[in-house]
Amino acid sequence: MTLEAETAARSSSDDFSDETSTFGDRLAHAREALGLDQAQLAHRLGIKAQTLRNWEEDRSEPRANKLQFLAGLLNVSMIWLLTGRGEAPQAAGVPADLAGEACLADLRRLRADHIHLAEQMARLEKRMRAILA
């Protein structure tokens, strides 16, 4: 059986099992639980859809910084995403209060990223002025 056929068989199965699931299985399950397709999640992560497909098919894994962001977007713990231990996301839609919390978490992350980028830009500008002076 080819890798694509195995992936299709896994994703079409309704009985998701944390004990036998891989990182890719858990990623796909969490994405589907939020009602997102691969293109939507890839866009939110700022990556190519093919990269996400590779993660879900266990061909590659995200770097640590993307993994943390991914867990936040999917409303799952990094431990569950990596190992399957802990609470799996429920496929029955996201309650409004959890969706709001996810938005707030995204906003906090973006603010932190913005502050970090602004600091980097200030340092770079200072270095450039010193070089050009």
N, C-alpha and C. Protein backbone atom coordinates (compact mmCIF):
# COMPACT_ATOMS: atom_id res chain seq x y z
N MET A 1 0.86 -1.18 0.00
CA MET A 1 0.00 0.00 0.00
C MET A 1 0.90 1.24 0.00
N THR A 2 0.58 2.20 -0.84
CA THR A 2 1.38 3.41 -0.92
C THR A 2 1.12 4.30 0.28
N LEU A 3 2.01 5.26 0.50
CA LEU A 3 1.86 6.19 1.61
C LEU A 3 0.58 7.01 1.47
N GLU A 4 0.25 7.42 0.24
CA GLU A 4 -0.97 8.19 0.02
C GLU A 4 -2.20 7.35 0.37
N ALA A 5 -2.20 6.08 -0.03
CA ALA A 5 -3.33 5.20 0.27
C ALA A 5 -3.48 4.97 1.77
N GLU A 6 -2.34 4.78 2.45
CA GLU A 6 -2.39 4.62 3.91
C GLU A 6 -2.93 5.87 4.58
N THR A 7 -2.49 7.04 4.11
CA THR A 7 -2.96 8.30 4.69
C THR A 7 -4.45 8.46 4.45
N ALA A 8 -4.91 8.15 3.24
CA ALA A 8 -6.34 8.25 2.94
C ALA A 8 -7.14 7.29 3.79
N ALA A 9 -6.64 6.07 3.97
CA ALA A 9 -7.34 5.10 4.81
C ALA A 9 -7.41 5.57 6.25
N ARG A 10 -6.30 6.13 6.74
CA ARG A 10 -6.28 6.64 8.12
C ARG A 10 -7.26 7.78 8.28
N SER A 11 -7.26 8.73 7.34
CA SER A 11 -8.09 9.92 7.49
C SER A 11 -9.56 9.61 7.27
N SER A 12 -9.89 8.54 6.54
CA SER A 12 -11.29 8.22 6.33
C SER A 12 -11.86 7.42 7.49
N SER A 13 -11.01 6.92 8.35
CA SER A 13 -11.48 6.15 9.50
C SER A 13 -12.04 7.07 10.57
N ASP A 14 -13.23 6.69 11.10
CA ASP A 14 -13.86 7.52 12.11
C ASP A 14 -13.34 7.25 13.51
N ASP A 15 -12.66 6.12 13.70
CA ASP A 15 -12.21 5.79 15.05
C ASP A 15 -10.76 6.20 15.24
N PHE A 16 -10.58 7.43 15.68
CA PHE A 16 -9.26 8.00 15.94
C PHE A 16 -8.73 7.43 17.24
N SER A 17 -7.50 6.99 17.27
CA SER A 17 -6.92 6.41 18.48
C SER A 17 -5.62 7.12 18.81
N ASP A 18 -5.57 7.73 19.99
CA ASP A 18 -4.35 8.41 20.42
C ASP A 18 -3.20 7.43 20.59
N GLU A 19 -3.50 6.18 20.96
CA GLU A 19 -2.44 5.21 21.24
C GLU A 19 -1.65 4.84 19.99
N THR A 20 -2.31 4.80 18.85
CA THR A 20 -1.63 4.38 17.62
C THR A 20 -1.39 5.52 16.64
N SER A 21 -1.79 6.70 17.01
CA SER A 21 -1.68 7.82 16.07
C SER A 21 -0.25 8.36 16.01
N THR A 22 0.06 8.93 14.85
CA THR A 22 1.34 9.59 14.66
C THR A 22 1.15 11.10 14.81
N PHE A 23 2.24 11.82 14.78
CA PHE A 23 2.15 13.29 14.82
C PHE A 23 1.23 13.78 13.71
N GLY A 24 1.42 13.27 12.51
CA GLY A 24 0.60 13.69 11.37
C GLY A 24 -0.88 13.40 11.57
N ASP A 25 -1.17 12.22 12.15
CA ASP A 25 -2.57 11.87 12.44
C ASP A 25 -3.19 12.87 13.41
N ARG A 26 -2.45 13.18 14.47
CA ARG A 26 -2.97 14.10 15.48
C ARG A 26 -3.15 15.50 14.90
N LEU A 27 -2.20 15.93 14.07
CA LEU A 27 -2.30 17.23 13.43
C LEU A 27 -3.56 17.31 12.56
N ALA A 28 -3.77 16.30 11.73
CA ALA A 28 -4.94 16.27 10.86
C ALA A 28 -6.22 16.23 11.68
N HIS A 29 -6.22 15.44 12.75
CA HIS A 29 -7.42 15.33 13.61
C HIS A 29 -7.75 16.69 14.24
N ALA A 30 -6.75 17.37 14.77
CA ALA A 30 -6.97 18.67 15.41
C ALA A 30 -7.45 19.71 14.39
N ARG A 31 -6.86 19.68 13.20
CA ARG A 31 -7.27 20.61 12.14
C ARG A 31 -8.72 20.37 11.76
N GLU A 32 -9.07 19.11 11.56
CA GLU A 32 -10.44 18.76 11.18
C GLU A 32 -11.43 19.09 12.29
N ALA A 33 -11.00 18.93 13.55
CA ALA A 33 -11.89 19.24 14.68
C ALA A 33 -12.27 20.72 14.69
N LEU A 34 -11.41 21.56 14.16
CA LEU A 34 -11.71 23.00 14.06
C LEU A 34 -12.45 23.34 12.77
N GLY A 35 -12.61 22.35 11.90
CA GLY A 35 -13.32 22.59 10.65
C GLY A 35 -12.48 23.32 9.62
N LEU A 36 -11.17 23.18 9.71
CA LEU A 36 -10.28 23.84 8.76
C LEU A 36 -9.79 22.84 7.72
N ASP A 37 -9.60 23.30 6.49
CA ASP A 37 -8.94 22.45 5.52
C ASP A 37 -7.44 22.78 5.54
N GLN A 38 -6.67 22.00 4.82
CA GLN A 38 -5.22 22.19 4.85
C GLN A 38 -4.81 23.57 4.36
N ALA A 39 -5.45 24.05 3.33
CA ALA A 39 -5.10 25.37 2.79
C ALA A 39 -5.35 26.48 3.81
N GLN A 40 -6.46 26.38 4.54
CA GLN A 40 -6.78 27.40 5.53
C GLN A 40 -5.75 27.41 6.67
N LEU A 41 -5.42 26.22 7.18
CA LEU A 41 -4.45 26.17 8.27
C LEU A 41 -3.07 26.60 7.79
N ALA A 42 -2.69 26.19 6.61
CA ALA A 42 -1.39 26.58 6.06
C ALA A 42 -1.31 28.10 5.95
N HIS A 43 -2.39 28.72 5.49
CA HIS A 43 -2.42 30.17 5.36
C HIS A 43 -2.24 30.83 6.73
N ARG A 44 -2.96 30.34 7.73
CA ARG A 44 -2.85 30.91 9.08
C ARG A 44 -1.45 30.75 9.66
N LEU A 45 -0.78 29.66 9.27
CA LEU A 45 0.58 29.41 9.77
C LEU A 45 1.64 30.16 8.96
N GLY A 46 1.24 30.64 7.79
CA GLY A 46 2.20 31.32 6.92
C GLY A 46 3.15 30.36 6.23
N ILE A 47 2.65 29.16 5.91
CA ILE A 47 3.46 28.14 5.24
C ILE A 47 2.75 27.69 3.97
N LYS A 48 3.44 26.93 3.14
CA LYS A 48 2.83 26.38 1.94
C LYS A 48 1.95 25.19 2.33
N ALA A 49 0.88 25.00 1.57
CA ALA A 49 -0.02 23.87 1.83
C ALA A 49 0.73 22.55 1.72
N GLN A 50 1.70 22.47 0.82
CA GLN A 50 2.49 21.24 0.66
C GLN A 50 3.28 20.93 1.94
N THR A 51 3.77 21.96 2.60
CA THR A 51 4.49 21.76 3.86
C THR A 51 3.58 21.13 4.89
N LEU A 52 2.36 21.65 5.00
CA LEU A 52 1.39 21.08 5.94
C LEU A 52 1.06 19.65 5.57
N ARG A 53 0.88 19.38 4.27
CA ARG A 53 0.60 18.01 3.82
C ARG A 53 1.74 17.08 4.24
N ASN A 54 2.97 17.55 4.08
CA ASN A 54 4.12 16.73 4.48
C ASN A 54 4.10 16.43 5.97
N TRP A 55 3.70 17.41 6.77
CA TRP A 55 3.59 17.19 8.22
C TRP A 55 2.51 16.16 8.52
N GLU A 56 1.36 16.31 7.89
CA GLU A 56 0.24 15.40 8.14
C GLU A 56 0.53 14.00 7.63
N GLU A 57 1.36 13.88 6.63
CA GLU A 57 1.72 12.57 6.08
C GLU A 57 3.00 12.02 6.71
N ASP A 58 3.47 12.69 7.77
CA ASP A 58 4.66 12.28 8.52
C ASP A 58 5.91 12.18 7.65
N ARG A 59 5.98 13.03 6.64
CA ARG A 59 7.17 13.09 5.80
C ARG A 59 8.20 14.05 6.39
N SER A 60 7.72 15.01 7.17
CA SER A 60 8.60 15.96 7.85
C SER A 60 7.85 16.48 9.06
N GLU A 61 8.56 17.22 9.90
CA GLU A 61 7.96 17.79 11.10
C GLU A 61 8.30 19.27 11.18
N PRO A 62 7.42 20.03 11.84
CA PRO A 62 7.69 21.48 11.95
C PRO A 62 8.82 21.76 12.93
N ARG A 63 9.43 22.92 12.76
CA ARG A 63 10.42 23.39 13.73
C ARG A 63 9.71 23.75 15.02
N ALA A 64 10.47 23.90 16.08
CA ALA A 64 9.90 24.14 17.41
C ALA A 64 9.03 25.39 17.45
N ASN A 65 9.47 26.48 16.81
CA ASN A 65 8.68 27.71 16.86
C ASN A 65 7.34 27.55 16.14
N LYS A 66 7.32 26.83 15.03
CA LYS A 66 6.07 26.58 14.31
C LYS A 66 5.20 25.60 15.09
N LEU A 67 5.83 24.66 15.77
CA LEU A 67 5.08 23.69 16.55
C LEU A 67 4.30 24.37 17.67
N GLN A 68 4.93 25.30 18.34
CA GLN A 68 4.27 26.04 19.41
C GLN A 68 3.11 26.86 18.85
N PHE A 69 3.33 27.54 17.75
CA PHE A 69 2.29 28.34 17.11
C PHE A 69 1.15 27.44 16.64
N LEU A 70 1.51 26.29 16.07
CA LEU A 70 0.53 25.33 15.58
C LEU A 70 -0.37 24.83 16.72
N ALA A 71 0.23 24.47 17.83
CA ALA A 71 -0.55 23.99 18.98
C ALA A 71 -1.52 25.08 19.45
N GLY A 72 -1.06 26.33 19.46
CA GLY A 72 -1.94 27.43 19.86
C GLY A 72 -3.09 27.63 18.89
N LEU A 73 -2.81 27.58 17.61
CA LEU A 73 -3.87 27.74 16.61
C LEU A 73 -4.90 26.63 16.69
N LEU A 74 -4.43 25.42 17.00
CA LEU A 74 -5.32 24.27 17.03
C LEU A 74 -5.98 24.05 18.39
N ASN A 75 -5.62 24.87 19.36
CA ASN A 75 -6.17 24.74 20.72
C ASN A 75 -5.86 23.38 21.34
N VAL A 76 -4.65 22.90 21.13
CA VAL A 76 -4.21 21.65 21.75
C VAL A 76 -2.87 21.90 22.42
N SER A 77 -2.51 21.02 23.35
CA SER A 77 -1.21 21.17 23.99
C SER A 77 -0.13 20.62 23.07
N MET A 78 1.07 21.15 23.23
CA MET A 78 2.20 20.63 22.44
C MET A 78 2.46 19.17 22.81
N ILE A 79 2.26 18.82 24.08
CA ILE A 79 2.47 17.44 24.52
C ILE A 79 1.53 16.50 23.77
N TRP A 80 0.25 16.88 23.67
CA TRP A 80 -0.69 16.02 22.94
C TRP A 80 -0.30 15.92 21.47
N LEU A 81 0.06 17.04 20.89
CA LEU A 81 0.42 17.05 19.47
C LEU A 81 1.63 16.15 19.21
N LEU A 82 2.62 16.20 20.10
CA LEU A 82 3.84 15.41 19.91
C LEU A 82 3.69 13.94 20.31
N THR A 83 2.96 13.68 21.41
CA THR A 83 2.94 12.33 21.97
C THR A 83 1.58 11.66 22.00
N GLY A 84 0.52 12.44 21.92
CA GLY A 84 -0.82 11.88 22.03
C GLY A 84 -1.31 11.79 23.47
N ARG A 85 -0.47 12.20 24.41
CA ARG A 85 -0.87 12.18 25.82
C ARG A 85 -1.67 13.43 26.14
N GLY A 86 -2.77 13.26 26.86
CA GLY A 86 -3.58 14.41 27.23
C GLY A 86 -4.90 14.42 26.48
N GLU A 87 -5.53 15.57 26.49
CA GLU A 87 -6.87 15.73 25.93
C GLU A 87 -6.82 15.99 24.44
N ALA A 88 -7.49 15.10 23.68
CA ALA A 88 -7.60 15.29 22.23
C ALA A 88 -8.73 16.28 21.95
N PRO A 89 -8.63 17.02 20.87
CA PRO A 89 -9.70 17.96 20.53
C PRO A 89 -10.96 17.21 20.14
N GLN A 90 -12.10 17.80 20.43
CA GLN A 90 -13.39 17.20 20.09
C GLN A 90 -13.80 17.70 18.71
N ALA A 91 -14.33 16.82 17.91
CA ALA A 91 -14.71 17.15 16.54
C ALA A 91 -16.02 17.91 16.44
N ALA A 92 -16.68 18.15 17.55
CA ALA A 92 -18.00 18.76 17.52
C ALA A 92 -17.96 20.27 17.54
N GLY A 93 -17.13 20.90 16.78
CA GLY A 93 -17.10 22.36 16.73
C GLY A 93 -16.50 22.96 17.99
N VAL A 94 -16.14 24.19 17.90
CA VAL A 94 -15.50 24.88 19.01
C VAL A 94 -16.50 25.81 19.68
N PRO A 95 -16.70 25.66 21.00
CA PRO A 95 -17.59 26.59 21.70
C PRO A 95 -17.11 28.02 21.53
N ALA A 96 -18.03 28.96 21.56
CA ALA A 96 -17.70 30.36 21.32
C ALA A 96 -16.65 30.88 22.29
N ASP A 97 -16.72 30.44 23.56
CA ASP A 97 -15.74 30.94 24.53
C ASP A 97 -14.33 30.43 24.21
N LEU A 98 -14.22 29.19 23.70
CA LEU A 98 -12.90 28.69 23.32
C LEU A 98 -12.40 29.37 22.06
N ALA A 99 -13.29 29.65 21.14
CA ALA A 99 -12.89 30.36 19.92
C ALA A 99 -12.39 31.75 20.28
N GLY A 100 -13.07 32.41 21.22
CA GLY A 100 -12.63 33.72 21.68
C GLY A 100 -11.28 33.65 22.35
N GLU A 101 -11.08 32.61 23.17
CA GLU A 101 -9.78 32.44 23.82
C GLU A 101 -8.69 32.20 22.80
N ALA A 102 -8.99 31.44 21.76
CA ALA A 102 -8.01 31.18 20.71
C ALA A 102 -7.64 32.48 20.00
N CYS A 103 -8.64 33.32 19.75
CA CYS A 103 -8.38 34.61 19.11
C CYS A 103 -7.50 35.48 20.00
N LEU A 104 -7.81 35.49 21.29
CA LEU A 104 -6.99 36.27 22.22
C LEU A 104 -5.57 35.73 22.27
N ALA A 105 -5.42 34.42 22.27
CA ALA A 105 -4.08 33.82 22.29
C ALA A 105 -3.32 34.22 21.02
N ASP A 106 -4.01 34.17 19.87
CA ASP A 106 -3.39 34.59 18.61
C ASP A 106 -2.97 36.05 18.68
N LEU A 107 -3.83 36.88 19.22
CA LEU A 107 -3.53 38.31 19.35
C LEU A 107 -2.31 38.54 20.24
N ARG A 108 -2.26 37.83 21.36
CA ARG A 108 -1.10 37.96 22.26
C ARG A 108 0.19 37.54 21.56
N ARG A 109 0.12 36.42 20.81
CA ARG A 109 1.30 35.96 20.09
C ARG A 109 1.75 36.99 19.05
N LEU A 110 0.77 37.53 18.33
CA LEU A 110 1.10 38.53 17.31
C LEU A 110 1.70 39.79 17.93
N ARG A 111 1.15 40.21 19.07
CA ARG A 111 1.72 41.37 19.76
C ARG A 111 3.15 41.12 20.17
N ALA A 112 3.40 39.93 20.73
CA ALA A 112 4.76 39.58 21.15
C ALA A 112 5.70 39.55 19.94
N ASP A 113 5.22 38.98 18.84
CA ASP A 113 6.02 38.95 17.60
C ASP A 113 6.29 40.37 17.12
N HIS A 114 5.27 41.23 17.17
CA HIS A 114 5.40 42.61 16.73
C HIS A 114 6.46 43.34 17.56
N ILE A 115 6.40 43.17 18.87
CA ILE A 115 7.38 43.82 19.76
C ILE A 115 8.77 43.31 19.45
N HIS A 116 8.90 42.00 19.28
CA HIS A 116 10.20 41.41 18.98
C HIS A 116 10.75 41.94 17.65
N LEU A 117 9.91 42.01 16.64
CA LEU A 117 10.34 42.52 15.33
C LEU A 117 10.71 44.00 15.41
N ALA A 118 9.95 44.78 16.16
CA ALA A 118 10.26 46.20 16.31
C ALA A 118 11.62 46.38 16.97
N GLU A 119 11.92 45.55 17.96
CA GLU A 119 13.22 45.62 18.63
C GLU A 119 14.34 45.25 17.67
N GLN A 120 14.12 44.21 16.88
CA GLN A 120 15.13 43.80 15.90
C GLN A 120 15.36 44.91 14.87
N MET A 121 14.27 45.54 14.43
CA MET A 121 14.40 46.62 13.45
C MET A 121 15.16 47.80 14.04
N ALA A 122 14.91 48.13 15.29
CA ALA A 122 15.62 49.24 15.93
C ALA A 122 17.11 48.94 16.03
N ARG A 123 17.45 47.71 16.40
CA ARG A 123 18.87 47.32 16.48
C ARG A 123 19.54 47.39 15.11
N LEU A 124 18.83 46.91 14.10
CA LEU A 124 19.38 46.93 12.75
C LEU A 124 19.56 48.36 12.26
N GLU A 125 18.58 49.19 12.52
CA GLU A 125 18.68 50.59 12.11
C GLU A 125 19.87 51.27 12.79
N LYS A 126 20.08 50.97 14.06
CA LYS A 126 21.20 51.54 14.81
C LYS A 126 22.53 51.09 14.20
N ARG A 127 22.62 49.80 13.86
CA ARG A 127 23.84 49.29 13.22
C ARG A 127 24.09 49.94 11.87
N MET A 128 23.01 50.12 11.10
CA MET A 128 23.16 50.74 9.78
C MET A 128 23.62 52.18 9.90
N ARG A 129 23.08 52.91 10.86
CA ARG A 129 23.50 54.30 11.06
C ARG A 129 24.97 54.37 11.44
N ALA A 130 25.40 53.42 12.28
CA ALA A 130 26.81 53.39 12.70
C ALA A 130 27.72 53.09 11.51
N ILE A 131 27.28 52.19 10.65
CA ILE A 131 28.06 51.82 9.47
C ILE A 131 28.14 52.99 8.49
N LEU A 132 27.03 53.68 8.30
CA LEU A 132 26.96 54.76 7.33
C LEU A 132 27.55 56.08 7.85
N ALA A 133 27.77 56.17 9.15
CA ALA A 133 28.28 57.42 9.73
C ALA A 133 29.76 57.61 9.45
